């Protein structure tokens, strides 16, 4: 009997082969992405910003995520990726309307999931 991993892989390939779907895979995190070559290293961050729109005067940032990583500025080689840091803002507190296209809905704190 094949293990569960190969069975899932076969299902994913079948779904992709249909041409109707794209299947995303979870990125496996590694302790190190490249061997330390004793080169100069710097730290930078990937930045992801979620907003309620594109107008700085009327829209707001509702989520900010930063993922620091260590790299060599000469080769671009990434050595380590640190834990993500995420900041969330409650859109209700901002008193702004959330566009319907975001699929986010206001819920009262006492609302129950169905």
N, C-alpha and C. Protein backbone atom coordinates (compact mmCIF):
# COMPACT_ATOMS: atom_id res chain seq x y z
N UNK A 1 0.85 -1.20 0.00
CA UNK A 1 0.00 0.00 0.00
C UNK A 1 0.88 1.25 0.00
N UNK A 2 0.60 2.19 -0.87
CA UNK A 2 1.37 3.43 -0.97
C UNK A 2 1.11 4.30 0.24
N UNK A 3 2.11 5.10 0.61
CA UNK A 3 1.91 5.98 1.76
C UNK A 3 0.99 7.15 1.38
N UNK A 4 0.50 7.85 2.41
CA UNK A 4 -0.46 8.94 2.19
C UNK A 4 0.15 10.05 1.35
N UNK A 5 1.45 10.34 1.54
CA UNK A 5 2.10 11.41 0.79
C UNK A 5 2.08 11.19 -0.71
N UNK A 6 2.36 9.98 -1.15
CA UNK A 6 2.37 9.71 -2.59
C UNK A 6 0.94 9.72 -3.14
N UNK A 7 -0.03 9.29 -2.32
CA UNK A 7 -1.43 9.32 -2.74
C UNK A 7 -1.89 10.77 -2.94
N UNK A 8 -1.54 11.64 -2.01
CA UNK A 8 -1.91 13.05 -2.13
C UNK A 8 -1.23 13.67 -3.34
N UNK A 9 0.04 13.35 -3.54
CA UNK A 9 0.77 13.88 -4.69
C UNK A 9 0.09 13.47 -6.00
N UNK A 10 -0.35 12.22 -6.09
CA UNK A 10 -1.04 11.74 -7.30
C UNK A 10 -2.35 12.50 -7.51
N UNK A 11 -3.08 12.78 -6.43
CA UNK A 11 -4.33 13.54 -6.55
C UNK A 11 -4.06 14.96 -7.03
N UNK A 12 -3.04 15.59 -6.48
CA UNK A 12 -2.68 16.95 -6.88
C UNK A 12 -2.34 16.98 -8.36
N UNK A 13 -1.55 16.03 -8.82
CA UNK A 13 -1.18 15.99 -10.24
C UNK A 13 -2.40 15.79 -11.13
N UNK A 14 -3.34 15.00 -10.67
CA UNK A 14 -4.57 14.78 -11.44
C UNK A 14 -5.38 16.07 -11.52
N UNK A 15 -5.46 16.80 -10.43
CA UNK A 15 -6.20 18.07 -10.42
C UNK A 15 -5.52 19.08 -11.34
N UNK A 16 -4.20 19.19 -11.26
CA UNK A 16 -3.47 20.13 -12.13
C UNK A 16 -3.63 19.76 -13.60
N UNK A 17 -3.63 18.46 -13.91
CA UNK A 17 -3.73 18.00 -15.30
C UNK A 17 -5.06 18.38 -15.93
N UNK A 18 -6.08 18.64 -15.11
CA UNK A 18 -7.38 19.02 -15.65
C UNK A 18 -7.31 20.37 -16.35
N UNK A 19 -6.32 21.19 -15.99
CA UNK A 19 -6.19 22.52 -16.58
C UNK A 19 -7.17 23.53 -16.02
N UNK A 20 -8.02 23.12 -15.09
CA UNK A 20 -9.03 24.01 -14.53
C UNK A 20 -8.65 24.56 -13.17
N UNK A 21 -7.61 23.99 -12.55
CA UNK A 21 -7.25 24.38 -11.19
C UNK A 21 -5.75 24.56 -11.05
N UNK A 22 -5.38 25.40 -10.12
CA UNK A 22 -3.98 25.53 -9.73
C UNK A 22 -3.91 25.12 -8.27
N UNK A 23 -2.99 24.28 -7.94
CA UNK A 23 -2.85 23.79 -6.58
C UNK A 23 -1.60 24.41 -5.98
N UNK A 24 -1.76 25.08 -4.87
CA UNK A 24 -0.63 25.68 -4.17
C UNK A 24 -0.14 24.72 -3.10
N UNK A 25 1.14 24.68 -2.90
CA UNK A 25 1.72 23.81 -1.89
C UNK A 25 2.30 24.66 -0.76
N UNK A 26 2.22 24.16 0.43
CA UNK A 26 2.79 24.83 1.59
C UNK A 26 4.30 24.82 1.48
N UNK A 27 4.92 25.98 1.61
CA UNK A 27 6.36 26.07 1.54
C UNK A 27 6.95 25.45 2.81
N UNK A 28 7.80 24.48 2.63
CA UNK A 28 8.45 23.84 3.77
C UNK A 28 9.58 24.74 4.26
N UNK A 29 9.52 25.08 5.52
CA UNK A 29 10.53 25.96 6.11
C UNK A 29 11.78 25.16 6.46
N UNK A 30 12.92 25.75 6.17
CA UNK A 30 14.21 25.12 6.47
C UNK A 30 14.96 25.95 7.50
N UNK A 31 15.80 25.30 8.26
CA UNK A 31 16.64 26.03 9.22
C UNK A 31 17.59 26.98 8.47
N UNK A 32 18.18 26.49 7.39
CA UNK A 32 19.08 27.28 6.55
C UNK A 32 18.75 27.01 5.08
N UNK A 33 18.83 28.03 4.26
CA UNK A 33 18.57 27.88 2.84
C UNK A 33 19.85 27.79 2.02
N UNK A 34 20.96 28.23 2.60
CA UNK A 34 22.26 28.12 1.95
C UNK A 34 23.30 27.97 3.06
N UNK A 35 24.38 27.31 2.73
CA UNK A 35 25.47 27.14 3.70
C UNK A 35 26.15 28.48 3.96
N UNK A 36 26.53 28.69 5.21
CA UNK A 36 27.22 29.92 5.59
C UNK A 36 28.61 29.90 4.97
N UNK A 37 28.87 30.85 4.09
CA UNK A 37 30.17 30.90 3.41
C UNK A 37 31.06 32.00 3.97
N UNK A 38 30.73 32.46 5.17
CA UNK A 38 31.50 33.50 5.86
C UNK A 38 31.57 34.80 5.04
N UNK A 39 30.57 35.04 4.22
CA UNK A 39 30.52 36.27 3.44
C UNK A 39 29.79 37.35 4.24
N UNK A 40 29.83 38.56 3.72
CA UNK A 40 29.10 39.66 4.35
C UNK A 40 27.61 39.33 4.33
N UNK A 41 26.93 39.63 5.43
CA UNK A 41 25.49 39.35 5.51
C UNK A 41 24.75 40.60 5.93
N UNK A 42 23.55 40.72 5.42
CA UNK A 42 22.66 41.80 5.82
C UNK A 42 21.30 41.20 6.12
N UNK A 43 20.47 41.99 6.77
CA UNK A 43 19.11 41.56 7.07
C UNK A 43 18.15 42.51 6.36
N UNK A 44 17.17 41.93 5.70
CA UNK A 44 16.12 42.69 5.02
C UNK A 44 14.80 42.04 5.42
N UNK A 45 13.70 42.53 4.88
CA UNK A 45 12.40 41.95 5.21
C UNK A 45 11.49 41.96 3.99
N UNK A 46 10.78 40.85 3.82
CA UNK A 46 9.68 40.82 2.86
C UNK A 46 8.53 41.55 3.55
N UNK A 47 7.81 42.37 2.82
CA UNK A 47 6.72 43.15 3.40
C UNK A 47 5.44 42.85 2.63
N UNK A 48 4.37 42.57 3.37
CA UNK A 48 3.05 42.35 2.76
C UNK A 48 2.08 43.29 3.45
N UNK A 49 1.39 44.12 2.68
CA UNK A 49 0.46 45.10 3.23
C UNK A 49 -0.93 44.84 2.66
N UNK A 50 -1.90 44.72 3.54
CA UNK A 50 -3.30 44.57 3.13
C UNK A 50 -4.02 45.87 3.49
N UNK A 51 -4.72 46.44 2.51
CA UNK A 51 -5.41 47.70 2.73
C UNK A 51 -6.88 47.58 2.35
N UNK A 52 -7.62 48.60 2.71
CA UNK A 52 -9.04 48.63 2.34
C UNK A 52 -9.24 49.28 0.98
N UNK A 53 -8.17 49.74 0.36
CA UNK A 53 -8.25 50.36 -0.96
C UNK A 53 -6.91 51.00 -1.28
N UNK A 54 -6.90 51.85 -2.32
CA UNK A 54 -5.64 52.45 -2.77
C UNK A 54 -5.55 53.96 -2.53
N UNK A 55 -6.56 54.54 -1.94
CA UNK A 55 -6.57 55.98 -1.71
C UNK A 55 -6.03 56.26 -0.30
N UNK A 56 -4.84 56.85 -0.22
CA UNK A 56 -4.20 57.11 1.08
C UNK A 56 -5.03 58.05 1.95
N UNK A 57 -5.85 58.88 1.35
CA UNK A 57 -6.65 59.83 2.12
C UNK A 57 -7.85 59.18 2.79
N UNK A 58 -8.41 58.13 2.19
CA UNK A 58 -9.64 57.57 2.75
C UNK A 58 -9.55 56.09 3.12
N UNK A 59 -8.52 55.39 2.67
CA UNK A 59 -8.39 53.97 2.97
C UNK A 59 -7.34 53.77 4.06
N UNK A 60 -7.29 52.56 4.58
CA UNK A 60 -6.38 52.29 5.70
C UNK A 60 -5.69 50.94 5.53
N UNK A 61 -4.58 50.83 6.23
CA UNK A 61 -3.88 49.55 6.30
C UNK A 61 -4.57 48.72 7.38
N UNK A 62 -4.98 47.49 7.03
CA UNK A 62 -5.61 46.63 8.02
C UNK A 62 -4.73 45.45 8.42
N UNK A 63 -3.68 45.18 7.65
CA UNK A 63 -2.73 44.14 8.04
C UNK A 63 -1.36 44.46 7.46
N UNK A 64 -0.35 44.24 8.31
CA UNK A 64 1.03 44.44 7.89
C UNK A 64 1.81 43.21 8.35
N UNK A 65 2.50 42.57 7.44
CA UNK A 65 3.31 41.39 7.78
C UNK A 65 4.74 41.63 7.32
N UNK A 66 5.68 41.28 8.17
CA UNK A 66 7.10 41.42 7.87
C UNK A 66 7.77 40.08 8.11
N UNK A 67 8.61 39.65 7.15
CA UNK A 67 9.36 38.41 7.29
C UNK A 67 10.83 38.74 7.11
N UNK A 68 11.58 38.86 8.22
CA UNK A 68 13.00 39.17 8.10
C UNK A 68 13.80 37.98 7.57
N UNK A 69 14.84 38.30 6.79
CA UNK A 69 15.70 37.25 6.27
C UNK A 69 17.14 37.76 6.19
N UNK A 70 18.08 36.82 6.29
CA UNK A 70 19.49 37.14 6.22
C UNK A 70 20.01 36.75 4.84
N UNK A 71 20.78 37.65 4.19
CA UNK A 71 21.24 37.39 2.83
C UNK A 71 22.62 38.00 2.60
N UNK A 72 23.25 37.61 1.52
CA UNK A 72 24.54 38.18 1.09
C UNK A 72 24.23 39.26 0.05
N UNK A 73 24.64 40.51 0.27
CA UNK A 73 24.33 41.57 -0.69
C UNK A 73 25.07 41.44 -2.02
N UNK A 74 26.13 40.65 -2.07
CA UNK A 74 26.91 40.50 -3.30
C UNK A 74 26.36 39.42 -4.21
N UNK A 75 25.82 38.35 -3.61
CA UNK A 75 25.33 37.23 -4.42
C UNK A 75 23.81 37.11 -4.43
N UNK A 76 23.16 37.75 -3.45
CA UNK A 76 21.70 37.62 -3.32
C UNK A 76 21.28 36.33 -2.65
N UNK A 77 22.24 35.52 -2.26
CA UNK A 77 21.95 34.23 -1.64
C UNK A 77 21.29 34.44 -0.26
N UNK A 78 20.16 33.77 -0.04
CA UNK A 78 19.45 33.86 1.24
C UNK A 78 19.93 32.73 2.14
N UNK A 79 20.29 33.08 3.38
CA UNK A 79 20.79 32.08 4.32
C UNK A 79 19.71 31.61 5.30
N UNK A 80 19.04 32.56 5.92
CA UNK A 80 18.01 32.20 6.91
C UNK A 80 16.77 33.07 6.71
N UNK A 81 15.62 32.52 7.07
CA UNK A 81 14.36 33.27 7.08
C UNK A 81 13.81 33.16 8.49
N UNK A 82 13.54 34.30 9.10
CA UNK A 82 13.06 34.33 10.49
C UNK A 82 11.53 34.21 10.53
N UNK A 83 10.98 34.16 11.73
CA UNK A 83 9.53 34.09 11.91
C UNK A 83 8.88 35.40 11.45
N UNK A 84 7.70 35.27 10.89
CA UNK A 84 6.94 36.44 10.44
C UNK A 84 6.42 37.21 11.64
N UNK A 85 6.32 38.52 11.46
CA UNK A 85 5.72 39.39 12.46
C UNK A 85 4.51 40.01 11.78
N UNK A 86 3.32 39.85 12.38
CA UNK A 86 2.09 40.36 11.77
C UNK A 86 1.38 41.33 12.70
N UNK A 87 0.87 42.38 12.12
CA UNK A 87 0.10 43.38 12.87
C UNK A 87 -1.26 43.50 12.19
N UNK A 88 -2.32 43.43 12.98
CA UNK A 88 -3.68 43.53 12.46
C UNK A 88 -4.37 44.75 13.04
N UNK A 89 -5.21 45.36 12.25
CA UNK A 89 -6.03 46.48 12.69
C UNK A 89 -7.48 46.08 12.48
N UNK A 90 -8.31 46.25 13.48
CA UNK A 90 -9.72 45.91 13.36
C UNK A 90 -10.42 46.97 12.50
N UNK A 91 -10.91 46.60 11.31
CA UNK A 91 -11.54 47.60 10.43
C UNK A 91 -12.73 48.29 11.07
N UNK A 92 -13.43 47.63 11.99
CA UNK A 92 -14.57 48.28 12.66
C UNK A 92 -14.09 49.47 13.46
N UNK A 93 -12.92 49.36 14.07
CA UNK A 93 -12.38 50.44 14.88
C UNK A 93 -12.03 51.64 14.01
N UNK A 94 -11.70 51.39 12.75
CA UNK A 94 -11.31 52.47 11.83
C UNK A 94 -12.52 53.24 11.31
N UNK A 95 -13.70 52.69 11.50
CA UNK A 95 -14.95 53.31 11.02
C UNK A 95 -14.92 53.54 9.52
N UNK A 96 -14.54 52.51 8.80
CA UNK A 96 -14.51 52.58 7.35
C UNK A 96 -15.31 51.42 6.79
N UNK A 97 -15.77 51.58 5.59
CA UNK A 97 -16.50 50.50 4.93
C UNK A 97 -15.49 49.55 4.28
N UNK A 98 -15.73 48.27 4.45
CA UNK A 98 -14.88 47.27 3.80
C UNK A 98 -15.52 46.94 2.46
N UNK A 99 -14.77 47.07 1.37
CA UNK A 99 -15.36 46.75 0.05
C UNK A 99 -15.88 45.32 0.01
N UNK A 100 -16.99 45.12 -0.66
CA UNK A 100 -17.62 43.80 -0.74
C UNK A 100 -16.69 42.78 -1.39
N UNK A 101 -15.80 43.23 -2.25
CA UNK A 101 -14.93 42.29 -2.95
C UNK A 101 -13.91 41.62 -2.04
N UNK A 102 -13.75 42.10 -0.81
CA UNK A 102 -12.78 41.48 0.09
C UNK A 102 -13.35 40.24 0.76
N UNK A 103 -14.65 40.04 0.68
CA UNK A 103 -15.34 38.93 1.31
C UNK A 103 -15.25 38.97 2.83
N UNK A 104 -14.83 40.10 3.41
CA UNK A 104 -14.81 40.25 4.86
C UNK A 104 -16.15 40.80 5.31
N UNK A 105 -16.61 40.33 6.42
CA UNK A 105 -17.88 40.80 6.95
C UNK A 105 -17.71 41.18 8.41
N UNK A 106 -18.41 42.24 8.82
CA UNK A 106 -18.41 42.61 10.24
C UNK A 106 -19.25 41.58 10.98
N UNK A 107 -18.78 41.16 12.14
CA UNK A 107 -19.54 40.23 12.99
C UNK A 107 -19.51 40.78 14.40
N UNK A 108 -20.61 40.64 15.07
CA UNK A 108 -20.63 41.07 16.46
C UNK A 108 -19.81 40.08 17.27
N UNK A 109 -19.22 40.51 18.39
CA UNK A 109 -18.40 39.62 19.19
C UNK A 109 -19.17 38.41 19.73
N UNK A 110 -20.49 38.51 19.79
CA UNK A 110 -21.28 37.41 20.32
C UNK A 110 -21.86 36.53 19.22
N UNK A 111 -21.54 36.85 17.96
CA UNK A 111 -22.08 36.06 16.85
C UNK A 111 -21.49 34.64 16.89
N UNK A 112 -22.30 33.68 16.54
CA UNK A 112 -21.86 32.30 16.53
C UNK A 112 -21.65 31.84 15.11
N UNK A 113 -20.67 30.97 14.92
CA UNK A 113 -20.44 30.39 13.60
C UNK A 113 -21.52 29.38 13.31
N UNK A 114 -21.91 29.28 12.04
CA UNK A 114 -22.92 28.29 11.66
C UNK A 114 -22.30 27.10 11.03
